[in-house]
C-alpha atoms as a PDB file:
ATOM      1  CA  UNK A   1       1.091 -35.919   1.544  1.00  0.00           C
ATOM      2  CA  UNK A   2       0.397 -34.368  -1.706  1.00  0.00           C
ATOM      3  CA  UNK A   3      -1.497 -31.105  -1.332  1.00  0.00           C
ATOM      4  CA  UNK A   4      -1.724 -27.845  -2.922  1.00  0.00           C
ATOM      5  CA  UNK A   5       1.251 -26.765  -0.763  1.00  0.00           C
ATOM      6  CA  UNK A   6       3.747 -29.119  -2.206  1.00  0.00           C
ATOM      7  CA  UNK A   7       5.083 -31.517   0.335  1.00  0.00           C
ATOM      8  CA  UNK A   8       3.720 -29.886   3.473  1.00  0.00           C
ATOM      9  CA  UNK A   9       0.402 -30.147   5.028  1.00  0.00           C
ATOM     10  CA  UNK A  10      -2.325 -27.513   5.201  1.00  0.00           C
ATOM     11  CA  UNK A  11      -1.556 -27.070   8.889  1.00  0.00           C
ATOM     12  CA  UNK A  12       2.312 -26.550   8.266  1.00  0.00           C
ATOM     13  CA  UNK A  13       1.305 -24.180   5.406  1.00  0.00           C
ATOM     14  CA  UNK A  14      -0.672 -22.163   7.757  1.00  0.00           C
ATOM     15  CA  UNK A  15       2.397 -21.751   9.937  1.00  0.00           C
ATOM     16  CA  UNK A  16       4.659 -20.971   6.939  1.00  0.00           C
ATOM     17  CA  UNK A  17       2.053 -18.278   5.512  1.00  0.00           C
ATOM     18  CA  UNK A  18       1.922 -16.701   9.036  1.00  0.00           C
ATOM     19  CA  UNK A  19       5.811 -16.381   9.031  1.00  0.00           C
ATOM     20  CA  UNK A  20       5.763 -14.880   5.607  1.00  0.00           C
ATOM     21  CA  UNK A  21       3.262 -12.341   6.488  1.00  0.00           C
ATOM     22  CA  UNK A  22       4.735 -11.329   9.877  1.00  0.00           C
ATOM     23  CA  UNK A  23       8.209 -10.985   7.982  1.00  0.00           C
ATOM     24  CA  UNK A  24       6.486  -8.623   5.387  1.00  0.00           C
ATOM     25  CA  UNK A  25       4.285  -6.564   7.421  1.00  0.00           C
ATOM     26  CA  UNK A  26       6.685  -3.565   7.820  1.00  0.00           C
ATOM     27  CA  UNK A  27       6.491  -3.150   4.066  1.00  0.00           C
ATOM     28  CA  UNK A  28       2.876  -3.092   3.923  1.00  0.00           C
ATOM     29  CA  UNK A  29       2.091   0.738   4.407  1.00  0.00           C
ATOM     30  CA  UNK A  30      -0.622   1.043   1.736  1.00  0.00           C
ATOM     31  CA  UNK A  31      -2.398  -2.031   3.309  1.00  0.00           C
ATOM     32  CA  UNK A  32      -3.399  -0.017   6.139  1.00  0.00           C
ATOM     33  CA  UNK A  33      -5.355   2.679   4.541  1.00  0.00           C
ATOM     34  CA  UNK A  34      -7.193   1.212   1.520  1.00  0.00           C
ATOM     35  CA  UNK A  35     -10.814  -0.196   1.495  1.00  0.00           C
ATOM     36  CA  UNK A  36      -9.758  -3.747   1.932  1.00  0.00           C
ATOM     37  CA  UNK A  37     -11.418  -7.011   0.937  1.00  0.00           C
ATOM     38  CA  UNK A  38     -10.290 -10.535   1.907  1.00  0.00           C
ATOM     39  CA  UNK A  39      -9.761 -12.911  -1.007  1.00  0.00           C
ATOM     40  CA  UNK A  40     -12.522 -15.473  -1.023  1.00  0.00           C
ATOM     41  CA  UNK A  41     -11.971 -18.917  -1.860  1.00  0.00           C
ATOM     42  CA  UNK A  42     -13.476 -20.452  -5.119  1.00  0.00           C
ATOM     43  CA  UNK A  43     -14.504 -17.120  -6.540  1.00  0.00           C
ATOM     44  CA  UNK A  44     -13.977 -15.239  -9.852  1.00  0.00           C
ATOM     45  CA  UNK A  45     -10.976 -13.191 -10.806  1.00  0.00           C
ATOM     46  CA  UNK A  46     -13.147 -10.009 -10.647  1.00  0.00           C
ATOM     47  CA  UNK A  47     -13.481  -8.366  -7.458  1.00  0.00           C
ATOM     48  CA  UNK A  48     -16.229  -5.639  -6.992  1.00  0.00           C
ATOM     49  CA  UNK A  49     -16.114  -2.667  -4.819  1.00  0.00           C
ATOM     50  CA  UNK A  50     -19.271  -0.342  -4.249  1.00  0.00           C
ATOM     51  CA  UNK A  51     -19.279   3.404  -3.681  1.00  0.00           C
ATOM     52  CA  UNK A  52     -22.600   4.971  -2.737  1.00  0.00           C
ATOM     53  CA  UNK A  53     -23.371   8.538  -3.926  1.00  0.00           C
ATOM     54  CA  UNK A  54     -24.149  11.361  -1.444  1.00  0.00           C
ATOM     55  CA  UNK A  55     -27.655  12.476  -1.199  1.00  0.00           C
ATOM     56  CA  UNK A  56     -28.998  15.799  -2.315  1.00  0.00           C
ATOM     57  CA  UNK A  57     -28.656  18.233   0.643  1.00  0.00           C
ATOM     58  CA  UNK A  58     -30.658  21.307  -0.784  1.00  0.00           C
ATOM     59  CA  UNK A  59     -32.909  22.456   2.043  1.00  0.00           C
ATOM     60  CA  UNK A  60     -36.623  21.651   1.164  1.00  0.00           C
ATOM     61  CA  UNK A  61     -39.236  22.644   3.636  1.00  0.00           C
ATOM     62  CA  UNK A  62     -41.855  19.870   4.457  1.00  0.00           C
ATOM     63  CA  UNK A  63     -45.350  20.580   3.603  1.00  0.00           C
ATOM     64  CA  UNK A  64     -47.830  19.857   6.397  1.00  0.00           C
ATOM     65  CA  UNK A  65     -49.381  16.577   6.097  1.00  0.00           C
ATOM     66  CA  UNK A  66     -47.463  15.811   2.822  1.00  0.00           C
ATOM     67  CA  UNK A  67     -44.878  12.836   2.745  1.00  0.00           C
ATOM     68  CA  UNK A  68     -41.946  14.078   0.715  1.00  0.00           C
ATOM     69  CA  UNK A  69     -40.734  12.087  -2.155  1.00  0.00           C
ATOM     70  CA  UNK A  70     -38.714   9.141  -1.227  1.00  0.00           C
ATOM     71  CA  UNK A  71     -34.943   9.124  -2.058  1.00  0.00           C
ATOM     72  CA  UNK A  72     -33.146   6.021  -3.668  1.00  0.00           C
ATOM     73  CA  UNK A  73     -29.756   4.904  -3.008  1.00  0.00           C
ATOM     74  CA  UNK A  74     -27.427   5.468  -5.948  1.00  0.00           C
ATOM     75  CA  UNK A  75     -24.070   3.698  -6.128  1.00  0.00           C
ATOM     76  CA  UNK A  76     -21.157   3.098  -8.544  1.00  0.00           C
ATOM     77  CA  UNK A  77     -19.535  -0.245  -8.599  1.00  0.00           C
ATOM     78  CA  UNK A  78     -15.773  -0.352  -9.395  1.00  0.00           C
ATOM     79  CA  UNK A  79     -14.375  -3.657 -10.486  1.00  0.00           C
ATOM     80  CA  UNK A  80     -10.792  -4.896 -10.625  1.00  0.00           C
ATOM     81  CA  UNK A  81      -9.390  -7.966 -12.025  1.00  0.00           C
ATOM     82  CA  UNK A  82      -7.088 -10.181  -9.950  1.00  0.00           C
ATOM     83  CA  UNK A  83      -3.753 -10.978 -11.145  1.00  0.00           C
ATOM     84  CA  UNK A  84      -1.402 -13.739  -9.775  1.00  0.00           C
ATOM     85  CA  UNK A  85       2.041 -13.058  -8.527  1.00  0.00           C
ATOM     86  CA  UNK A  86       4.611 -15.376  -6.980  1.00  0.00           C
ATOM     87  CA  UNK A  87       8.285 -16.712  -6.962  1.00  0.00           C
ATOM     88  CA  UNK A  88      10.438 -19.481  -5.703  1.00  0.00           C
ATOM     89  CA  UNK A  89      13.768 -20.316  -4.225  1.00  0.00           C
ATOM     90  CA  UNK A  90      15.543 -23.324  -5.625  1.00  0.00           C
ATOM     91  CA  UNK A  91      17.314 -25.352  -2.854  1.00  0.00           C
ATOM     92  CA  UNK A  92      19.399 -28.440  -3.598  1.00  0.00           C
ATOM     93  CA  UNK A  93      19.239 -31.728  -1.831  1.00  0.00           C
ATOM     94  CA  UNK A  94      22.748 -31.186  -0.289  1.00  0.00           C
ATOM     95  CA  UNK A  95      21.522 -27.894   1.239  1.00  0.00           C
ATOM     96  CA  UNK A  96      18.417 -29.607   2.569  1.00  0.00           C
ATOM     97  CA  UNK A  97      20.414 -32.429   4.161  1.00  0.00           C
ATOM     98  CA  UNK A  98      23.626 -30.757   5.294  1.00  0.00           C
ATOM     99  CA  UNK A  99      23.348 -27.173   5.765  1.00  0.00           C
ATOM    100  CA  UNK A 100      23.739 -26.024   9.537  1.00  0.00           C
ATOM    101  CA  UNK A 101      21.383 -22.997   9.173  1.00  0.00           C
ATOM    102  CA  UNK A 102      17.509 -23.294   9.289  1.00  0.00           C
ATOM    103  CA  UNK A 103      17.468 -22.859   5.377  1.00  0.00           C
ATOM    104  CA  UNK A 104      13.816 -23.649   5.131  1.00  0.00           C
ATOM    105  CA  UNK A 105      12.739 -20.988   7.704  1.00  0.00           C
ATOM    106  CA  UNK A 106      15.267 -18.427   6.336  1.00  0.00           C
ATOM    107  CA  UNK A 107      13.901 -18.990   2.691  1.00  0.00           C
ATOM    108  CA  UNK A 108      10.090 -18.629   4.028  1.00  0.00           C
ATOM    109  CA  UNK A 109      10.980 -15.408   5.594  1.00  0.00           C
ATOM    110  CA  UNK A 110      13.001 -13.795   2.740  1.00  0.00           C
ATOM    111  CA  UNK A 111      10.138 -14.825   0.419  1.00  0.00           C
ATOM    112  CA  UNK A 112       7.514 -13.044   2.879  1.00  0.00           C
ATOM    113  CA  UNK A 113       9.582  -9.824   2.668  1.00  0.00           C
ATOM    114  CA  UNK A 114       9.623 -10.432  -1.099  1.00  0.00           C
ATOM    115  CA  UNK A 115       5.779 -10.895  -1.328  1.00  0.00           C
ATOM    116  CA  UNK A 116       5.030  -7.709   0.543  1.00  0.00           C
ATOM    117  CA  UNK A 117       7.411  -5.684  -1.293  1.00  0.00           C
ATOM    118  CA  UNK A 118       6.300  -6.825  -4.593  1.00  0.00           C
ATOM    119  CA  UNK A 119       2.520  -6.333  -3.699  1.00  0.00           C
ATOM    120  CA  UNK A 120       3.215  -2.869  -2.343  1.00  0.00           C
ATOM    121  CA  UNK A 121       5.187  -1.918  -5.502  1.00  0.00           C
ATOM    122  CA  UNK A 122       2.240  -2.961  -7.602  1.00  0.00           C
ATOM    123  CA  UNK A 123      -0.216  -0.874  -5.496  1.00  0.00           C
ATOM    124  CA  UNK A 124       1.987   2.132  -5.512  1.00  0.00           C
ATOM    125  CA  UNK A 125       2.277   1.878  -9.289  1.00  0.00           C
ATOM    126  CA  UNK A 126      -1.508   2.103  -9.510  1.00  0.00           C
ATOM    127  CA  UNK A 127      -1.991   4.941  -7.038  1.00  0.00           C
ATOM    128  CA  UNK A 128       0.647   7.234  -8.221  1.00  0.00           C
ATOM    129  CA  UNK A 129      -0.906   7.277 -11.533  1.00  0.00           C
ATOM    130  CA  UNK A 130      -3.987   9.184 -10.195  1.00  0.00           C
ATOM    131  CA  UNK A 131      -5.134  12.346 -12.007  1.00  0.00           C
ATOM    132  CA  UNK A 132      -5.603  14.660  -8.843  1.00  0.00           C
ATOM    133  CA  UNK A 133      -2.106  16.316  -8.745  1.00  0.00           C
ATOM    134  CA  UNK A 134      -0.425  19.412  -7.357  1.00  0.00           C
ATOM    135  CA  UNK A 135       3.273  20.486  -8.286  1.00  0.00           C
ATOM    136  CA  UNK A 136       5.592  22.009  -5.714  1.00  0.00           C
ATOM    137  CA  UNK A 137       6.418  24.696  -8.362  1.00  0.00           C
ATOM    138  CA  UNK A 138       5.433  25.245 -11.912  1.00  0.00           C
ATOM    139  CA  UNK A 139       2.537  23.720 -13.718  1.00  0.00           C
ATOM    140  CA  UNK A 140       4.122  20.339 -14.858  1.00  0.00           C
ATOM    141  CA  UNK A 141       6.341  17.590 -13.690  1.00  0.00           C
ATOM    142  CA  UNK A 142       9.331  18.855 -15.790  1.00  0.00           C
ATOM    143  CA  UNK A 143       9.434  22.163 -13.899  1.00  0.00           C
ATOM    144  CA  UNK A 144       9.468  20.642 -10.396  1.00  0.00           C
ATOM    145  CA  UNK A 145      12.615  21.364  -8.420  1.00  0.00           C
ATOM    146  CA  UNK A 146      11.588  22.621  -4.995  1.00  0.00           C
ATOM    147  CA  UNK A 147      10.805  20.582  -1.824  1.00  0.00           C
ATOM    148  CA  UNK A 148       7.651  20.017  -0.137  1.00  0.00           C
ATOM    149  CA  UNK A 149       6.408  23.003   1.889  1.00  0.00           C
ATOM    150  CA  UNK A 150       3.469  23.634   4.298  1.00  0.00           C
ATOM    151  CA  UNK A 151       2.056  25.656   1.562  1.00  0.00           C
ATOM    152  CA  UNK A 152       1.786  22.696  -0.718  1.00  0.00           C
ATOM    153  CA  UNK A 153       0.336  20.596   2.125  1.00  0.00           C
ATOM    154  CA  UNK A 154      -2.360  23.128   2.888  1.00  0.00           C
ATOM    155  CA  UNK A 155      -3.136  23.322  -0.860  1.00  0.00           C
ATOM    156  CA  UNK A 156      -3.515  19.470  -0.933  1.00  0.00           C
ATOM    157  CA  UNK A 157      -5.613  19.442   2.396  1.00  0.00           C
ATOM    158  CA  UNK A 158      -7.849  22.198   1.105  1.00  0.00           C
ATOM    159  CA  UNK A 159      -8.375  20.413  -2.250  1.00  0.00           C
ATOM    160  CA  UNK A 160      -9.276  17.073  -0.421  1.00  0.00           C
ATOM    161  CA  UNK A 161     -11.657  18.935   1.897  1.00  0.00           C
ATOM    162  CA  UNK A 162     -13.404  20.649  -0.922  1.00  0.00           C
ATOM    163  CA  UNK A 163     -13.892  17.343  -2.589  1.00  0.00           C
ATOM    164  CA  UNK A 164     -15.604  16.060   0.723  1.00  0.00           C
ATOM    165  CA  UNK A 165     -12.542  13.459   1.364  1.00  0.00           C
ATOM    166  CA  UNK A 166     -13.059  12.183   4.750  1.00  0.00           C
ATOM    167  CA  UNK A 167     -10.336  11.753   7.430  1.00  0.00           C
ATOM    168  CA  UNK A 168      -9.142   8.416   7.895  1.00  0.00           C
ATOM    169  CA  UNK A 169     -10.576   7.115  11.166  1.00  0.00           C
ATOM    170  CA  UNK A 170      -9.784   3.364  10.864  1.00  0.00           C
ATOM    171  CA  UNK A 171      -7.026   1.330   9.420  1.00  0.00           C
ATOM    172  CA  UNK A 172      -6.144  -2.357   8.908  1.00  0.00           C
ATOM    173  CA  UNK A 173      -4.355  -3.672  11.683  1.00  0.00           C
ATOM    174  CA  UNK A 174      -0.695  -4.531  11.382  1.00  0.00           C
ATOM    175  CA  UNK A 175      -1.170  -8.151  12.230  1.00  0.00           C
ATOM    176  CA  UNK A 176      -1.439 -11.272   9.854  1.00  0.00           C
ATOM    177  CA  UNK A 177      -5.262 -11.310  10.867  1.00  0.00           C
ATOM    178  CA  UNK A 178      -7.852  -9.291   8.865  1.00  0.00           C
ATOM    179  CA  UNK A 179      -9.234  -6.771  11.220  1.00  0.00           C
ATOM    180  CA  UNK A 180      -9.532  -3.057  11.681  1.00  0.00           C
ATOM    181  CA  UNK A 181      -8.742  -0.702  14.457  1.00  0.00           C
ATOM    182  CA  UNK A 182      -9.872   2.888  15.024  1.00  0.00           C
ATOM    183  CA  UNK A 183      -7.367   5.773  14.896  1.00  0.00           C
ATOM    184  CA  UNK A 184      -7.217   9.588  15.404  1.00  0.00           C
ATOM    185  CA  UNK A 185      -8.829  11.162  12.385  1.00  0.00           C
ATOM    186  CA  UNK A 186      -6.581  12.817   9.783  1.00  0.00           C
ATOM    187  CA  UNK A 187      -5.282  12.531   6.431  1.00  0.00           C
ATOM    188  CA  UNK A 188      -2.186  10.394   5.561  1.00  0.00           C
ATOM    189  CA  UNK A 189       0.778  11.371   3.381  1.00  0.00           C
ATOM    190  CA  UNK A 190       3.139   8.670   2.009  1.00  0.00           C
ATOM    191  CA  UNK A 191       6.739   9.704   1.064  1.00  0.00           C
ATOM    192  CA  UNK A 192       9.985   8.456   0.006  1.00  0.00           C
ATOM    193  CA  UNK A 193      12.901   8.531   2.832  1.00  0.00           C
ATOM    194  CA  UNK A 194      14.726  11.118   0.679  1.00  0.00           C
ATOM    195  CA  UNK A 195      11.889  13.625   1.601  1.00  0.00           C
ATOM    196  CA  UNK A 196      12.042  12.976   5.343  1.00  0.00           C
ATOM    197  CA  UNK A 197      14.556  15.974   6.051  1.00  0.00           C
ATOM    198  CA  UNK A 198      12.172  18.393   4.088  1.00  0.00           C
ATOM    199  CA  UNK A 199       9.043  17.251   6.046  1.00  0.00           C
ATOM    200  CA  UNK A 200      10.953  17.626   9.271  1.00  0.00           C
ATOM    201  CA  UNK A 201      11.748  21.174   8.298  1.00  0.00           C
ATOM    202  CA  UNK A 202       8.074  22.035   7.697  1.00  0.00           C
ATOM    203  CA  UNK A 203       6.501  24.675  10.094  1.00  0.00           C
ATOM    204  CA  UNK A 204       4.527  22.862  12.731  1.00  0.00           C
ATOM    205  CA  UNK A 205       6.146  19.421  12.339  1.00  0.00           C
ATOM    206  CA  UNK A 206       5.580  17.099  15.361  1.00  0.00           C
ATOM    207  CA  UNK A 207       7.826  14.081  15.346  1.00  0.00           C
ATOM    208  CA  UNK A 208       5.908  10.648  15.999  1.00  0.00           C
ATOM    209  CA  UNK A 209       7.816   9.970  19.180  1.00  0.00           C
ATOM    210  CA  UNK A 210       6.192  13.258  20.738  1.00  0.00           C
ATOM    211  CA  UNK A 211       2.621  12.309  19.919  1.00  0.00           C
ATOM    212  CA  UNK A 212       1.763  11.754  23.569  1.00  0.00           C
ATOM    213  CA  UNK A 213      -1.674   9.803  23.436  1.00  0.00           C
ATOM    214  CA  UNK A 214      -1.464   8.987  19.819  1.00  0.00           C
ATOM    215  CA  UNK A 215       0.315   5.740  19.111  1.00  0.00           C
ATOM    216  CA  UNK A 216       2.455   5.976  15.879  1.00  0.00           C
ATOM    217  CA  UNK A 217       2.246   3.462  13.071  1.00  0.00           C
ATOM    218  CA  UNK A 218       5.215   1.758  11.823  1.00  0.00           C
ATOM    219  CA  UNK A 219       7.318   3.804   9.286  1.00  0.00           C
ATOM    220  CA  UNK A 220       5.581   6.894  10.654  1.00  0.00           C
ATOM    221  CA  UNK A 221       7.711   9.987  10.713  1.00  0.00           C
ATOM    222  CA  UNK A 222       5.541  12.426  12.288  1.00  0.00           C
ATOM    223  CA  UNK A 223       2.527  14.910  11.545  1.00  0.00           C
ATOM    224  CA  UNK A 224       1.949  18.379  10.313  1.00  0.00           C
ATOM    225  CA  UNK A 225      -1.398  19.939  11.262  1.00  0.00           C
ATOM    226  CA  UNK A 226      -4.179  17.459   9.824  1.00  0.00           C
ATOM    227  CA  UNK A 227      -1.619  15.082   7.846  1.00  0.00           C
ATOM    228  CA  UNK A 228       0.407  12.331   9.192  1.00  0.00           C
ATOM    229  CA  UNK A 229       3.536  11.293   7.063  1.00  0.00           C
ATOM    230  CA  UNK A 230       4.734   7.670   6.586  1.00  0.00           C
ATOM    231  CA  UNK A 231       7.923   6.818   4.506  1.00  0.00           C
ATOM    232  CA  UNK A 232       8.982   3.664   2.683  1.00  0.00           C
ATOM    233  CA  UNK A 233      11.537   2.990   0.063  1.00  0.00           C
ATOM    234  CA  UNK A 234       8.672   1.545  -2.094  1.00  0.00           C
ATOM    235  CA  UNK A 235       7.555   5.004  -2.767  1.00  0.00           C
ATOM    236  CA  UNK A 236      10.031   5.745  -5.480  1.00  0.00           C
ATOM    237  CA  UNK A 237      10.782   8.918  -7.545  1.00  0.00           C
ATOM    238  CA  UNK A 238      10.555   9.807 -11.193  1.00  0.00           C
ATOM    239  CA  UNK A 239      14.374   9.966 -11.734  1.00  0.00           C
ATOM    240  CA  UNK A 240      15.687  13.160 -13.170  1.00  0.00           C
ATOM    241  CA  UNK A 241      12.077  14.115 -14.424  1.00  0.00           C
ATOM    242  CA  UNK A 242      12.008  17.656 -12.994  1.00  0.00           C
ATOM    243  CA  UNK A 243      13.631  21.091 -13.498  1.00  0.00           C
ATOM    244  CA  UNK A 244      17.240  22.196 -12.937  1.00  0.00           C
ATOM    245  CA  UNK A 245      18.471  20.300  -9.905  1.00  0.00           C
ATOM    246  CA  UNK A 246      20.551  22.912  -8.173  1.00  0.00           C
ATOM    247  CA  UNK A 247      20.584  21.717  -4.575  1.00  0.00           C
ATOM    248  CA  UNK A 248      18.014  18.975  -5.102  1.00  0.00           C
ATOM    249  CA  UNK A 249      18.660  15.244  -5.483  1.00  0.00           C
ATOM    250  CA  UNK A 250      19.214  14.255  -9.092  1.00  0.00           C
ATOM    251  CA  UNK A 251      20.090  10.829 -10.614  1.00  0.00           C
ATOM    252  CA  UNK A 252      21.675  12.257 -13.609  1.00  0.00           C
ATOM    253  CA  UNK A 253      23.140  15.341 -11.745  1.00  0.00           C
ATOM    254  CA  UNK A 254      21.265  17.631 -14.018  1.00  0.00           C
ATOM    255  CA  UNK A 255      17.616  17.483 -13.584  1.00  0.00           C
ATOM    256  CA  UNK A 256      15.952  17.006 -10.253  1.00  0.00           C
ATOM    257  CA  UNK A 257      14.183  13.791  -9.224  1.00  0.00           C
ATOM    258  CA  UNK A 258      10.480  14.262  -8.620  1.00  0.00           C
ATOM    259  CA  UNK A 259       8.960  12.410  -5.645  1.00  0.00           C
ATOM    260  CA  UNK A 260       5.352  11.693  -5.514  1.00  0.00           C
ATOM    261  CA  UNK A 261       3.611  12.552  -2.003  1.00  0.00           C
ATOM    262  CA  UNK A 262       0.364  10.712  -1.886  1.00  0.00           C
ATOM    263  CA  UNK A 263      -2.170  12.547   0.177  1.00  0.00           C
ATOM    264  CA  UNK A 264      -4.932  10.073   1.117  1.00  0.00           C
ATOM    265  CA  UNK A 265      -8.433  10.359   2.576  1.00  0.00           C
ATOM    266  CA  UNK A 266     -10.807   7.669   3.588  1.00  0.00           C
ATOM    267  CA  UNK A 267     -11.870   5.039   0.798  1.00  0.00           C
ATOM    268  CA  UNK A 268      -9.624   6.671  -1.801  1.00  0.00           C
ATOM    269  CA  UNK A 269      -8.523   3.025  -3.252  1.00  0.00           C
ATOM    270  CA  UNK A 270      -9.374  -0.586  -2.852  1.00  0.00           C
ATOM    271  CA  UNK A 271      -7.113  -3.519  -2.442  1.00  0.00           C
ATOM    272  CA  UNK A 272      -7.221  -7.254  -1.591  1.00  0.00           C
ATOM    273  CA  UNK A 273      -5.786  -7.594   1.864  1.00  0.00           C
ATOM    274  CA  UNK A 274      -2.346  -9.497   1.930  1.00  0.00           C
ATOM    275  CA  UNK A 275      -3.669 -11.284   5.166  1.00  0.00           C
ATOM    276  CA  UNK A 276      -6.270 -13.725   6.112  1.00  0.00           C
ATOM    277  CA  UNK A 277      -6.772 -17.520   5.344  1.00  0.00           C
ATOM    278  CA  UNK A 278      -6.465 -17.225   1.483  1.00  0.00           C
ATOM    279  CA  UNK A 279      -4.023 -14.262   1.180  1.00  0.00           C
ATOM    280  CA  UNK A 280      -0.828 -16.036   0.297  1.00  0.00           C
ATOM    281  CA  UNK A 281      -0.080 -19.749  -0.471  1.00  0.00           C
ATOM    282  CA  UNK A 282       3.272 -21.018   0.582  1.00  0.00           C
ATOM    283  CA  UNK A 283       4.670 -24.283  -1.075  1.00  0.00           C
ATOM    284  CA  UNK A 284       7.482 -26.507  -0.122  1.00  0.00           C
ATOM    285  CA  UNK A 285       8.859 -29.253  -2.581  1.00  0.00           C
ATOM    286  CA  UNK A 286      11.167 -31.676  -1.310  1.00  0.00           C
ATOM    287  CA  UNK A 287      13.848 -33.265  -3.566  1.00  0.00           C
ATOM    288  CA  UNK A 288      12.248 -36.358  -5.221  1.00  0.00           C
ATOM    289  CA  UNK A 289      13.038 -38.425  -8.173  1.00  0.00           C
ATOM    290  CA  UNK A 290      11.198 -37.430 -11.378  1.00  0.00           C
ATOM    291  CA  UNK A 291      11.707 -37.588 -15.170  1.00  0.00           C
ATOM    292  CA  UNK A 292      13.349 -34.012 -14.994  1.00  0.00           C
ATOM    293  CA  UNK A 293      15.274 -34.606 -11.859  1.00  0.00           C
ATOM    294  CA  UNK A 294      16.143 -38.426 -11.711  1.00  0.00           C
ATOM    295  CA  UNK A 295      18.668 -38.122  -8.924  1.00  0.00           C
ATOM    296  CA  UNK A 296      16.222 -35.985  -6.708  1.00  0.00           C
ATOM    297  CA  UNK A 297      18.747 -33.127  -6.553  1.00  0.00           C
ATOM    298  CA  UNK A 298      16.280 -30.077  -6.573  1.00  0.00           C
ATOM    299  CA  UNK A 299      13.656 -28.759  -4.105  1.00  0.00           C
ATOM    300  CA  UNK A 300      11.981 -25.510  -3.692  1.00  0.00           C
ATOM    301  CA  UNK A 301      10.218 -23.053  -1.407  1.00  0.00           C
ATOM    302  CA  UNK A 302       7.681 -20.716  -3.076  1.00  0.00           C
ATOM    303  CA  UNK A 303       4.836 -18.526  -2.777  1.00  0.00           C
ATOM    304  CA  UNK A 304       1.898 -17.171  -4.728  1.00  0.00           C
ATOM    305  CA  UNK A 305      -0.932 -14.838  -4.302  1.00  0.00           C
ATOM    306  CA  UNK A 306      -3.926 -13.274  -6.111  1.00  0.00           C
ATOM    307  CA  UNK A 307      -3.889  -9.480  -5.956  1.00  0.00           C
ATOM    308  CA  UNK A 308      -5.253  -6.175  -7.198  1.00  0.00           C
ATOM    309  CA  UNK A 309      -5.416  -2.585  -6.512  1.00  0.00           C
ATOM    310  CA  UNK A 310      -7.710   0.114  -7.974  1.00  0.00           C
ATOM    311  CA  UNK A 311      -8.456   3.900  -7.320  1.00  0.00           C
ATOM    312  CA  UNK A 312     -12.177   4.071  -5.967  1.00  0.00           C
ATOM    313  CA  UNK A 313     -12.316   7.882  -6.078  1.00  0.00           C
ATOM    314  CA  UNK A 314      -9.625  10.146  -7.493  1.00  0.00           C
ATOM    315  CA  UNK A 315     -11.212  13.076  -5.677  1.00  0.00           C
ATOM    316  CA  UNK A 316     -10.398  11.383  -2.196  1.00  0.00           C
ATOM    317  CA  UNK A 317      -6.579  11.261  -2.983  1.00  0.00           C
ATOM    318  CA  UNK A 318      -4.005  13.673  -4.358  1.00  0.00           C
ATOM    319  CA  UNK A 319      -0.466  13.273  -5.475  1.00  0.00           C
ATOM    320  CA  UNK A 320       1.937  16.146  -4.726  1.00  0.00           C
ATOM    321  CA  UNK A 321       5.049  16.182  -6.900  1.00  0.00           C
ATOM    322  CA  UNK A 322       8.209  17.567  -5.137  1.00  0.00           C
ATOM    323  CA  UNK A 323      12.033  17.465  -5.195  1.00  0.00           C
ATOM    324  CA  UNK A 324      14.094  16.512  -2.271  1.00  0.00           C
ATOM    325  CA  UNK A 325      16.959  18.548  -0.787  1.00  0.00           C
ATOM    326  CA  UNK A 326      20.253  16.950  -1.317  1.00  0.00           C
END
């Protein structure tokens, strides 16, 4: 049956999409904490996020019998343009017909991993370009050559609180469905695994396995005071961008690698969720005769998605730049 899913039916495509998303879930750390919107069908390439401004809280006494002036809601619309991403695996007719392994299933799952990693990398590239930044030492990136400390974290938390960044109290659930769940209030920090040892060495660190009544998230390392730390290899460093490496990790063995630590409050950024009915489109094309393939020797398994990520409020997130102990 000819459909937009190649040679598979919409029902089969739904199962394939679910398999893709399940395999990719562990890589979708940023998926949890953004202001997420599902991708609507048959809509424009521009998606709109709306941010309402806080009301004036200056104390004004009421005058007896006089109705105060009405306030009006003020808001700022932040728009982002969707871009299309995708990839495919070419599979020959011989593999389709003779291979002993479930090649289609393996290809679908591998593409699911790739899709999640690709989307997460795109999102991280947008977010680490934010303008709210603190350095572990010095005043610029080229001086950084010390690891994360409790002092840096407290500076970051103080900055977020001063800017009225709210604690994260709900997240997008780690399922293929588009739904949220309430969580213990706090800020979230995202790190590369190279920084895990330094986080563990921070004063007051509580490992995730000792949380008690709090359920850890996937990839969660632990918490320090108001901040919960999650790690992913997606959150890469600026190689050899810092000061003299000394005992810090360095790509060129001279200058320290600089790692961004993203401290997040609620509603700091907006994303299109990689879940739900229209999140990702899987396609399977069986080998069939055509002008370009007269012997029907080539088929493919592929995916595509429309995605975007945008910073909604720079004041609600902060990038700490640190080195990592070798």
